[in-house]
PDB file of N, CA and C in Angstrom:
ATOM      1  N   UNK A   1       4.768 -55.298   8.249  1.00  0.00           N
ATOM      2  CA  UNK A   1       4.653 -55.737   9.619  1.00  0.00           C
ATOM      3  C   UNK A   1       3.764 -54.787  10.428  1.00  0.00           C
ATOM      4  N   UNK A   2       3.873 -53.500  10.173  1.00  0.00           N
ATOM      5  CA  UNK A   2       3.079 -52.523  10.919  1.00  0.00           C
ATOM      6  C   UNK A   2       1.580 -52.788  10.746  1.00  0.00           C
ATOM      7  N   UNK A   3       1.154 -53.057   9.508  1.00  0.00           N
ATOM      8  CA  UNK A   3      -0.257 -53.335   9.245  1.00  0.00           C
ATOM      9  C   UNK A   3      -0.679 -54.641   9.923  1.00  0.00           C
ATOM     10  N   UNK A   4       0.204 -55.639   9.901  1.00  0.00           N
ATOM     11  CA  UNK A   4      -0.085 -56.912  10.560  1.00  0.00           C
ATOM     12  C   UNK A   4      -0.232 -56.701  12.071  1.00  0.00           C
ATOM     13  N   UNK A   5       0.658 -55.931  12.668  1.00  0.00           N
ATOM     14  CA  UNK A   5       0.591 -55.650  14.106  1.00  0.00           C
ATOM     15  C   UNK A   5      -0.706 -54.933  14.447  1.00  0.00           C
ATOM     16  N   UNK A   6      -1.073 -53.963  13.627  1.00  0.00           N
ATOM     17  CA  UNK A   6      -2.313 -53.219  13.847  1.00  0.00           C
ATOM     18  C   UNK A   6      -3.516 -54.155  13.804  1.00  0.00           C
ATOM     19  N   UNK A   7      -3.557 -55.034  12.814  1.00  0.00           N
ATOM     20  CA  UNK A   7      -4.672 -55.976  12.685  1.00  0.00           C
ATOM     21  C   UNK A   7      -4.722 -56.935  13.866  1.00  0.00           C
ATOM     22  N   UNK A   8      -3.576 -57.437  14.287  1.00  0.00           N
ATOM     23  CA  UNK A   8      -3.517 -58.372  15.406  1.00  0.00           C
ATOM     24  C   UNK A   8      -4.020 -57.711  16.692  1.00  0.00           C
ATOM     25  N   UNK A   9      -3.561 -56.514  16.973  1.00  0.00           N
ATOM     26  CA  UNK A   9      -3.993 -55.811  18.183  1.00  0.00           C
ATOM     27  C   UNK A   9      -5.471 -55.460  18.100  1.00  0.00           C
ATOM     28  N   UNK A  10      -5.944 -55.052  16.925  1.00  0.00           N
ATOM     29  CA  UNK A  10      -7.367 -54.760  16.753  1.00  0.00           C
ATOM     30  C   UNK A  10      -8.215 -56.009  17.012  1.00  0.00           C
ATOM     31  N   UNK A  11      -7.738 -57.177  16.577  1.00  0.00           N
ATOM     32  CA  UNK A  11      -8.456 -58.432  16.841  1.00  0.00           C
ATOM     33  C   UNK A  11      -8.514 -58.727  18.335  1.00  0.00           C
ATOM     34  N   UNK A  12      -7.412 -58.527  19.026  1.00  0.00           N
ATOM     35  CA  UNK A  12      -7.368 -58.754  20.474  1.00  0.00           C
ATOM     36  C   UNK A  12      -8.338 -57.819  21.183  1.00  0.00           C
ATOM     37  N   UNK A  13      -8.355 -56.570  20.777  1.00  0.00           N
ATOM     38  CA  UNK A  13      -9.270 -55.592  21.377  1.00  0.00           C
ATOM     39  C   UNK A  13     -10.715 -55.974  21.087  1.00  0.00           C
ATOM     40  N   UNK A  14     -10.996 -56.376  19.855  1.00  0.00           N
ATOM     41  CA  UNK A  14     -12.350 -56.796  19.482  1.00  0.00           C
ATOM     42  C   UNK A  14     -12.814 -57.975  20.343  1.00  0.00           C
ATOM     43  N   UNK A  15     -11.939 -58.964  20.524  1.00  0.00           N
ATOM     44  CA  UNK A  15     -12.291 -60.106  21.377  1.00  0.00           C
ATOM     45  C   UNK A  15     -12.559 -59.651  22.812  1.00  0.00           C
ATOM     46  N   UNK A  16     -11.717 -58.747  23.316  1.00  0.00           N
ATOM     47  CA  UNK A  16     -11.920 -58.225  24.665  1.00  0.00           C
ATOM     48  C   UNK A  16     -13.227 -57.472  24.804  1.00  0.00           C
ATOM     49  N   UNK A  17     -13.615 -56.758  23.758  1.00  0.00           N
ATOM     50  CA  UNK A  17     -14.898 -56.055  23.779  1.00  0.00           C
ATOM     51  C   UNK A  17     -16.056 -57.038  23.822  1.00  0.00           C
ATOM     52  N   UNK A  18     -15.955 -58.107  23.051  1.00  0.00           N
ATOM     53  CA  UNK A  18     -17.019 -59.120  23.030  1.00  0.00           C
ATOM     54  C   UNK A  18     -17.143 -59.844  24.364  1.00  0.00           C
ATOM     55  N   UNK A  19     -16.059 -59.878  25.130  1.00  0.00           N
ATOM     56  CA  UNK A  19     -16.065 -60.509  26.454  1.00  0.00           C
ATOM     57  C   UNK A  19     -16.342 -59.489  27.566  1.00  0.00           C
ATOM     58  N   UNK A  20     -16.655 -58.261  27.178  1.00  0.00           N
ATOM     59  CA  UNK A  20     -16.914 -57.161  28.123  1.00  0.00           C
ATOM     60  C   UNK A  20     -15.689 -56.811  28.966  1.00  0.00           C
ATOM     61  N   UNK A  21     -14.498 -57.054  28.428  1.00  0.00           N
ATOM     62  CA  UNK A  21     -13.262 -56.701  29.117  1.00  0.00           C
ATOM     63  C   UNK A  21     -12.806 -55.295  28.743  1.00  0.00           C
ATOM     64  N   UNK A  22     -13.197 -54.835  27.555  1.00  0.00           N
ATOM     65  CA  UNK A  22     -12.832 -53.507  27.064  1.00  0.00           C
ATOM     66  C   UNK A  22     -14.091 -52.755  26.674  1.00  0.00           C
ATOM     67  N   UNK A  23     -13.993 -51.455  26.678  1.00  0.00           N
ATOM     68  CA  UNK A  23     -15.102 -50.572  26.323  1.00  0.00           C
ATOM     69  C   UNK A  23     -15.526 -50.829  24.874  1.00  0.00           C
ATOM     70  N   UNK A  24     -16.766 -51.270  24.659  1.00  0.00           N
ATOM     71  CA  UNK A  24     -17.215 -51.586  23.303  1.00  0.00           C
ATOM     72  C   UNK A  24     -17.496 -50.355  22.439  1.00  0.00           C
ATOM     73  N   UNK A  25     -17.498 -49.166  23.024  1.00  0.00           N
ATOM     74  CA  UNK A  25     -17.788 -47.966  22.235  1.00  0.00           C
ATOM     75  C   UNK A  25     -16.546 -47.423  21.518  1.00  0.00           C
ATOM     76  N   UNK A  26     -15.380 -48.018  21.776  1.00  0.00           N
ATOM     77  CA  UNK A  26     -14.131 -47.582  21.136  1.00  0.00           C
ATOM     78  C   UNK A  26     -13.869 -48.470  19.919  1.00  0.00           C
ATOM     79  N   UNK A  27     -13.588 -47.853  18.782  1.00  0.00           N
ATOM     80  CA  UNK A  27     -13.280 -48.591  17.567  1.00  0.00           C
ATOM     81  C   UNK A  27     -11.977 -49.383  17.759  1.00  0.00           C
ATOM     82  N   UNK A  28     -11.986 -50.696  17.534  1.00  0.00           N
ATOM     83  CA  UNK A  28     -10.788 -51.512  17.752  1.00  0.00           C
ATOM     84  C   UNK A  28      -9.575 -51.077  16.923  1.00  0.00           C
ATOM     85  N   UNK A  29      -9.804 -50.638  15.686  1.00  0.00           N
ATOM     86  CA  UNK A  29      -8.658 -50.211  14.865  1.00  0.00           C
ATOM     87  C   UNK A  29      -8.069 -48.904  15.383  1.00  0.00           C
ATOM     88  N   UNK A  30      -8.936 -47.982  15.808  1.00  0.00           N
ATOM     89  CA  UNK A  30      -8.448 -46.730  16.394  1.00  0.00           C
ATOM     90  C   UNK A  30      -7.649 -47.025  17.660  1.00  0.00           C
ATOM     91  N   UNK A  31      -8.175 -47.915  18.497  1.00  0.00           N
ATOM     92  CA  UNK A  31      -7.476 -48.277  19.732  1.00  0.00           C
ATOM     93  C   UNK A  31      -6.125 -48.931  19.421  1.00  0.00           C
ATOM     94  N   UNK A  32      -6.090 -49.776  18.392  1.00  0.00           N
ATOM     95  CA  UNK A  32      -4.848 -50.443  18.008  1.00  0.00           C
ATOM     96  C   UNK A  32      -3.803 -49.432  17.534  1.00  0.00           C
ATOM     97  N   UNK A  33      -4.225 -48.483  16.711  1.00  0.00           N
ATOM     98  CA  UNK A  33      -3.293 -47.457  16.224  1.00  0.00           C
ATOM     99  C   UNK A  33      -2.775 -46.612  17.394  1.00  0.00           C
ATOM    100  N   UNK A  34      -3.672 -46.250  18.306  1.00  0.00           N
ATOM    101  CA  UNK A  34      -3.269 -45.463  19.472  1.00  0.00           C
ATOM    102  C   UNK A  34      -2.279 -46.248  20.331  1.00  0.00           C
ATOM    103  N   UNK A  35      -2.579 -47.521  20.568  1.00  0.00           N
ATOM    104  CA  UNK A  35      -1.695 -48.379  21.367  1.00  0.00           C
ATOM    105  C   UNK A  35      -0.307 -48.450  20.734  1.00  0.00           C
ATOM    106  N   UNK A  36      -0.259 -48.713  19.428  1.00  0.00           N
ATOM    107  CA  UNK A  36       1.032 -48.830  18.739  1.00  0.00           C
ATOM    108  C   UNK A  36       1.794 -47.512  18.724  1.00  0.00           C
ATOM    109  N   UNK A  37       1.078 -46.404  18.537  1.00  0.00           N
ATOM    110  CA  UNK A  37       1.731 -45.092  18.524  1.00  0.00           C
ATOM    111  C   UNK A  37       2.374 -44.792  19.875  1.00  0.00           C
ATOM    112  N   UNK A  38       1.645 -45.092  20.929  1.00  0.00           N
ATOM    113  CA  UNK A  38       2.194 -44.868  22.265  1.00  0.00           C
ATOM    114  C   UNK A  38       3.367 -45.808  22.510  1.00  0.00           C
ATOM    115  N   UNK A  39       3.240 -47.067  22.087  1.00  0.00           N
ATOM    116  CA  UNK A  39       4.315 -48.033  22.286  1.00  0.00           C
ATOM    117  C   UNK A  39       5.607 -47.577  21.609  1.00  0.00           C
ATOM    118  N   UNK A  40       5.507 -47.064  20.395  1.00  0.00           N
ATOM    119  CA  UNK A  40       6.696 -46.586  19.675  1.00  0.00           C
ATOM    120  C   UNK A  40       7.345 -45.427  20.434  1.00  0.00           C
ATOM    121  N   UNK A  41       6.528 -44.521  20.931  1.00  0.00           N
ATOM    122  CA  UNK A  41       7.054 -43.384  21.689  1.00  0.00           C
ATOM    123  C   UNK A  41       7.703 -43.852  22.987  1.00  0.00           C
ATOM    124  N   UNK A  42       7.063 -44.795  23.657  1.00  0.00           N
ATOM    125  CA  UNK A  42       7.617 -45.318  24.909  1.00  0.00           C
ATOM    126  C   UNK A  42       8.943 -46.016  24.649  1.00  0.00           C
ATOM    127  N   UNK A  43       9.030 -46.787  23.562  1.00  0.00           N
ATOM    128  CA  UNK A  43      10.296 -47.438  23.238  1.00  0.00           C
ATOM    129  C   UNK A  43      11.386 -46.409  22.990  1.00  0.00           C
ATOM    130  N   UNK A  44      11.036 -45.306  22.344  1.00  0.00           N
ATOM    131  CA  UNK A  44      12.006 -44.227  22.139  1.00  0.00           C
ATOM    132  C   UNK A  44      12.458 -43.635  23.458  1.00  0.00           C
ATOM    133  N   UNK A  45      11.540 -43.486  24.388  1.00  0.00           N
ATOM    134  CA  UNK A  45      11.873 -42.972  25.713  1.00  0.00           C
ATOM    135  C   UNK A  45      12.723 -43.983  26.468  1.00  0.00           C
ATOM    136  N   UNK A  46      12.372 -45.253  26.305  1.00  0.00           N
ATOM    137  CA  UNK A  46      13.062 -46.309  27.033  1.00  0.00           C
ATOM    138  C   UNK A  46      14.540 -46.373  26.668  1.00  0.00           C
ATOM    139  N   UNK A  47      14.868 -46.137  25.413  1.00  0.00           N
ATOM    140  CA  UNK A  47      16.264 -46.220  25.013  1.00  0.00           C
ATOM    141  C   UNK A  47      16.976 -44.873  25.116  1.00  0.00           C
ATOM    142  N   UNK A  48      16.221 -43.820  25.407  1.00  0.00           N
ATOM    143  CA  UNK A  48      16.820 -42.494  25.547  1.00  0.00           C
ATOM    144  C   UNK A  48      17.631 -42.372  26.818  1.00  0.00           C
ATOM    145  N   UNK A  49      18.451 -41.365  26.858  1.00  0.00           N
ATOM    146  CA  UNK A  49      19.281 -41.145  28.031  1.00  0.00           C
ATOM    147  C   UNK A  49      18.645 -40.114  28.951  1.00  0.00           C
ATOM    148  N   UNK A  50      19.092 -40.096  30.187  1.00  0.00           N
ATOM    149  CA  UNK A  50      18.644 -39.092  31.126  1.00  0.00           C
ATOM    150  C   UNK A  50      17.281 -39.365  31.736  1.00  0.00           C
ATOM    151  N   UNK A  51      16.876 -40.604  31.797  1.00  0.00           N
ATOM    152  CA  UNK A  51      15.573 -40.925  32.381  1.00  0.00           C
ATOM    153  C   UNK A  51      15.766 -41.482  33.790  1.00  0.00           C
ATOM    154  N   UNK A  52      14.739 -41.357  34.602  1.00  0.00           N
ATOM    155  CA  UNK A  52      14.824 -41.792  35.991  1.00  0.00           C
ATOM    156  C   UNK A  52      14.167 -43.143  36.243  1.00  0.00           C
ATOM    157  N   UNK A  53      13.533 -43.713  35.236  1.00  0.00           N
ATOM    158  CA  UNK A  53      12.801 -44.970  35.406  1.00  0.00           C
ATOM    159  C   UNK A  53      13.579 -46.137  34.815  1.00  0.00           C
ATOM    160  N   UNK A  54      13.477 -47.290  35.475  1.00  0.00           N
ATOM    161  CA  UNK A  54      14.097 -48.501  34.939  1.00  0.00           C
ATOM    162  C   UNK A  54      13.276 -49.001  33.744  1.00  0.00           C
ATOM    163  N   UNK A  55      13.868 -49.859  32.924  1.00  0.00           N
ATOM    164  CA  UNK A  55      13.144 -50.444  31.796  1.00  0.00           C
ATOM    165  C   UNK A  55      11.889 -51.162  32.284  1.00  0.00           C
ATOM    166  N   UNK A  56      12.024 -51.903  33.377  1.00  0.00           N
ATOM    167  CA  UNK A  56      10.883 -52.643  33.922  1.00  0.00           C
ATOM    168  C   UNK A  56       9.772 -51.696  34.349  1.00  0.00           C
ATOM    169  N   UNK A  57      10.117 -50.595  35.000  1.00  0.00           N
ATOM    170  CA  UNK A  57       9.103 -49.636  35.456  1.00  0.00           C
ATOM    171  C   UNK A  57       8.446 -48.934  34.264  1.00  0.00           C
ATOM    172  N   UNK A  58       9.208 -48.656  33.232  1.00  0.00           N
ATOM    173  CA  UNK A  58       8.633 -48.039  32.023  1.00  0.00           C
ATOM    174  C   UNK A  58       7.600 -48.982  31.417  1.00  0.00           C
ATOM    175  N   UNK A  59       7.948 -50.251  31.263  1.00  0.00           N
ATOM    176  CA  UNK A  59       6.998 -51.232  30.701  1.00  0.00           C
ATOM    177  C   UNK A  59       5.760 -51.355  31.585  1.00  0.00           C
ATOM    178  N   UNK A  60       5.968 -51.420  32.899  1.00  0.00           N
ATOM    179  CA  UNK A  60       4.848 -51.548  33.834  1.00  0.00           C
ATOM    180  C   UNK A  60       3.901 -50.351  33.727  1.00  0.00           C
ATOM    181  N   UNK A  61       4.449 -49.158  33.741  1.00  0.00           N
ATOM    182  CA  UNK A  61       3.610 -47.960  33.658  1.00  0.00           C
ATOM    183  C   UNK A  61       2.922 -47.856  32.297  1.00  0.00           C
ATOM    184  N   UNK A  62       3.614 -48.233  31.231  1.00  0.00           N
ATOM    185  CA  UNK A  62       3.001 -48.197  29.903  1.00  0.00           C
ATOM    186  C   UNK A  62       1.773 -49.109  29.854  1.00  0.00           C
ATOM    187  N   UNK A  63       1.914 -50.330  30.357  1.00  0.00           N
ATOM    188  CA  UNK A  63       0.785 -51.261  30.319  1.00  0.00           C
ATOM    189  C   UNK A  63      -0.352 -50.792  31.213  1.00  0.00           C
ATOM    190  N   UNK A  64      -0.038 -50.222  32.374  1.00  0.00           N
ATOM    191  CA  UNK A  64      -1.090 -49.650  33.225  1.00  0.00           C
ATOM    192  C   UNK A  64      -1.818 -48.537  32.500  1.00  0.00           C
ATOM    193  N   UNK A  65      -1.063 -47.675  31.843  1.00  0.00           N
ATOM    194  CA  UNK A  65      -1.660 -46.573  31.097  1.00  0.00           C
ATOM    195  C   UNK A  65      -2.517 -47.101  29.943  1.00  0.00           C
ATOM    196  N   UNK A  66      -2.004 -48.083  29.218  1.00  0.00           N
ATOM    197  CA  UNK A  66      -2.727 -48.634  28.070  1.00  0.00           C
ATOM    198  C   UNK A  66      -4.046 -49.281  28.488  1.00  0.00           C
ATOM    199  N   UNK A  67      -4.047 -49.991  29.604  1.00  0.00           N
ATOM    200  CA  UNK A  67      -5.247 -50.726  29.994  1.00  0.00           C
ATOM    201  C   UNK A  67      -6.144 -50.001  30.985  1.00  0.00           C
ATOM    202  N   UNK A  68      -5.612 -49.014  31.694  1.00  0.00           N
ATOM    203  CA  UNK A  68      -6.414 -48.313  32.696  1.00  0.00           C
ATOM    204  C   UNK A  68      -6.559 -46.820  32.429  1.00  0.00           C
ATOM    205  N   UNK A  69      -5.791 -46.300  31.494  1.00  0.00           N
ATOM    206  CA  UNK A  69      -5.834 -44.865  31.239  1.00  0.00           C
ATOM    207  C   UNK A  69      -5.214 -44.079  32.395  1.00  0.00           C
ATOM    208  N   UNK A  70      -5.480 -42.799  32.429  1.00  0.00           N
ATOM    209  CA  UNK A  70      -4.933 -41.947  33.478  1.00  0.00           C
ATOM    210  C   UNK A  70      -5.828 -41.885  34.702  1.00  0.00           C
ATOM    211  N   UNK A  71      -7.067 -42.319  34.531  1.00  0.00           N
ATOM    212  CA  UNK A  71      -8.045 -42.192  35.609  1.00  0.00           C
ATOM    213  C   UNK A  71      -7.771 -43.120  36.777  1.00  0.00           C
ATOM    214  N   UNK A  72      -8.369 -42.777  37.897  1.00  0.00           N
ATOM    215  CA  UNK A  72      -8.252 -43.603  39.088  1.00  0.00           C
ATOM    216  C   UNK A  72      -9.549 -44.326  39.405  1.00  0.00           C
ATOM    217  N   UNK A  73     -10.577 -44.067  38.629  1.00  0.00           N
ATOM    218  CA  UNK A  73     -11.875 -44.691  38.857  1.00  0.00           C
ATOM    219  C   UNK A  73     -12.750 -44.468  37.643  1.00  0.00           C
ATOM    220  N   UNK A  74     -14.034 -44.266  37.875  1.00  0.00           N
ATOM    221  CA  UNK A  74     -14.964 -44.007  36.786  1.00  0.00           C
ATOM    222  C   UNK A  74     -14.630 -42.699  36.095  1.00  0.00           C
ATOM    223  N   UNK A  75     -14.621 -42.734  34.797  1.00  0.00           N
ATOM    224  CA  UNK A  75     -14.348 -41.525  34.036  1.00  0.00           C
ATOM    225  C   UNK A  75     -15.644 -40.806  33.741  1.00  0.00           C
ATOM    226  N   UNK A  76     -15.643 -39.523  33.960  1.00  0.00           N
ATOM    227  CA  UNK A  76     -16.782 -38.716  33.583  1.00  0.00           C
ATOM    228  C   UNK A  76     -16.605 -38.186  32.181  1.00  0.00           C
ATOM    229  N   UNK A  77     -17.697 -37.970  31.495  1.00  0.00           N
ATOM    230  CA  UNK A  77     -17.639 -37.409  30.146  1.00  0.00           C
ATOM    231  C   UNK A  77     -17.793 -35.892  30.287  1.00  0.00           C
ATOM    232  N   UNK A  78     -16.820 -35.113  29.800  1.00  0.00           N
ATOM    233  CA  UNK A  78     -16.930 -33.657  29.909  1.00  0.00           C
ATOM    234  C   UNK A  78     -18.205 -33.138  29.243  1.00  0.00           C
ATOM    235  N   UNK A  79     -18.790 -32.114  29.842  1.00  0.00           N
ATOM    236  CA  UNK A  79     -19.995 -31.510  29.287  1.00  0.00           C
ATOM    237  C   UNK A  79     -19.787 -31.069  27.853  1.00  0.00           C
ATOM    238  N   UNK A  80     -20.793 -31.321  27.019  1.00  0.00           N
ATOM    239  CA  UNK A  80     -20.738 -30.868  25.632  1.00  0.00           C
ATOM    240  C   UNK A  80     -19.956 -31.771  24.693  1.00  0.00           C
ATOM    241  N   UNK A  81     -19.367 -32.871  25.207  1.00  0.00           N
ATOM    242  CA  UNK A  81     -18.570 -33.721  24.331  1.00  0.00           C
ATOM    243  C   UNK A  81     -19.342 -34.944  23.848  1.00  0.00           C
ATOM    244  N   UNK A  82     -20.614 -35.017  24.176  1.00  0.00           N
ATOM    245  CA  UNK A  82     -21.391 -36.201  23.794  1.00  0.00           C
ATOM    246  C   UNK A  82     -21.955 -36.076  22.413  1.00  0.00           C
TER     247      UNK A  82
END
């Protein structure tokens, strides 16, 4: 199932790239693995105790993070990383 999920998400990302909805310079499989890795961690946090966020707020913030990153606008590329 994990491999199937990875392939499905990579396909969705690839389609989004072709429609100019997602950054085409990011490898779809890498993005899919990153998305799934974060999702697993978030689910672990969601069921953990001692948190201040509701399940709904956790899901909302996760999706914002997944689709918008941490930035508030245009991201700059750090010097020397090109």
